[in-house]
């Protein structure tokens, strides 16, 4: 059940969560928080980056094969490729990181 975009009487916009079977058509009104709001055409979902940096909490602190560490000594990877390369060196699978 996604959020849909509506215009408010004051000229602003608000996103409202409702089921696809109950959402009004574009241009129709729906009462939201006591105001009659008009449904607008919603924009598509943003693209998700494939290579998102992440911190591993399962690897030993200050592991020598990790490409970098945060201030707490946890391994930080900037891509899936980095994590895979580390896994090969350390003998771990990606889902174990």
Protein backbone atom coordinates (compact mmCIF):
# COMPACT_ATOMS: atom_id res chain seq x y z
CA UNK A 1 0.00 0.00 0.00
CA UNK A 2 1.83 3.08 -1.21
CA UNK A 3 1.71 6.75 -0.33
CA UNK A 4 -0.17 8.97 -2.76
CA UNK A 5 0.37 12.69 -3.37
CA UNK A 6 -2.45 15.19 -2.66
CA UNK A 7 -2.72 18.98 -2.84
CA UNK A 8 -4.10 20.78 0.19
CA UNK A 9 -6.53 23.74 0.13
CA UNK A 10 -3.68 26.01 1.24
CA UNK A 11 -1.65 25.11 -1.88
CA UNK A 12 0.76 22.68 -0.29
CA UNK A 13 1.15 18.98 -0.87
CA UNK A 14 0.81 16.02 1.44
CA UNK A 15 1.49 12.32 1.01
CA UNK A 16 -1.25 10.02 2.24
CA UNK A 17 -1.03 6.26 2.80
CA UNK A 18 -3.97 4.23 1.50
CA UNK A 19 -4.66 0.92 -0.18
CA UNK A 20 -4.68 0.82 -3.97
CA UNK A 21 -8.31 -0.34 -3.96
CA UNK A 22 -9.45 2.72 -2.01
CA UNK A 23 -7.35 5.53 -3.51
CA UNK A 24 -9.31 8.14 -5.49
CA UNK A 25 -8.52 8.79 -9.14
CA UNK A 26 -6.22 11.67 -10.06
CA UNK A 27 -8.17 14.93 -9.61
CA UNK A 28 -10.72 13.50 -7.16
CA UNK A 29 -10.98 14.68 -3.55
CA UNK A 30 -10.31 12.87 -0.30
CA UNK A 31 -10.63 14.17 3.25
CA UNK A 32 -7.25 14.14 4.98
CA UNK A 33 -6.89 15.55 8.50
CA UNK A 34 -10.20 17.40 8.15
CA UNK A 35 -9.30 19.05 4.82
CA UNK A 36 -10.57 18.16 1.36
CA UNK A 37 -7.44 17.38 -0.65
CA UNK A 38 -7.14 16.68 -4.37
CA UNK A 39 -5.13 13.71 -5.58
CA UNK A 40 -2.18 14.58 -7.80
CA UNK A 41 -0.18 12.40 -10.16
CA UNK A 42 2.55 10.77 -8.09
CA UNK A 43 6.15 10.59 -9.16
CA UNK A 44 7.88 7.24 -9.57
CA UNK A 45 9.95 5.74 -6.81
CA UNK A 46 13.56 6.95 -6.64
CA UNK A 47 16.20 4.66 -8.06
CA UNK A 48 18.05 2.59 -5.52
CA UNK A 49 21.81 2.60 -5.73
CA UNK A 50 23.33 -0.84 -6.08
CA UNK A 51 26.63 -0.06 -4.37
CA UNK A 52 25.72 1.39 -1.02
CA UNK A 53 28.37 1.66 1.67
CA UNK A 54 27.77 -0.37 4.79
CA UNK A 55 29.43 -1.14 8.10
CA UNK A 56 29.85 -4.73 9.18
CA UNK A 57 29.20 -5.43 12.85
CA UNK A 58 30.09 -9.15 12.55
CA UNK A 59 33.73 -8.86 11.51
CA UNK A 60 36.35 -8.57 14.24
CA UNK A 61 37.30 -4.99 15.04
CA UNK A 62 40.34 -3.65 13.21
CA UNK A 63 40.45 -6.69 10.90
CA UNK A 64 43.64 -6.27 8.83
CA UNK A 65 42.02 -7.30 5.51
CA UNK A 66 39.17 -4.76 5.73
CA UNK A 67 39.52 -1.92 3.21
CA UNK A 68 38.79 0.73 5.86
CA UNK A 69 37.47 1.10 9.40
CA UNK A 70 35.24 3.54 11.23
CA UNK A 71 36.34 5.17 14.49
CA UNK A 72 35.08 2.12 16.41
CA UNK A 73 37.22 -0.31 14.40
CA UNK A 74 34.32 -1.81 12.45
CA UNK A 75 34.95 -2.75 8.82
CA UNK A 76 33.41 -0.35 6.27
CA UNK A 77 32.72 -1.35 2.66
CA UNK A 78 31.80 1.06 -0.13
CA UNK A 79 30.47 -1.58 -2.52
CA UNK A 80 29.37 -5.17 -2.83
CA UNK A 81 32.55 -5.80 -4.84
CA UNK A 82 34.71 -4.65 -1.91
CA UNK A 83 32.79 -6.92 0.45
CA UNK A 84 33.17 -9.88 -1.92
CA UNK A 85 36.93 -9.28 -2.24
CA UNK A 86 37.25 -9.11 1.54
CA UNK A 87 35.20 -12.30 1.89
CA UNK A 88 37.53 -14.18 -0.46
CA UNK A 89 40.59 -13.07 1.54
CA UNK A 90 39.00 -13.82 4.90
CA UNK A 91 37.20 -17.02 3.79
CA UNK A 92 33.72 -15.60 4.45
CA UNK A 93 30.59 -15.38 2.34
CA UNK A 94 28.87 -12.01 1.71
CA UNK A 95 25.93 -12.87 4.00
CA UNK A 96 28.34 -13.50 6.87
CA UNK A 97 29.67 -9.94 6.71
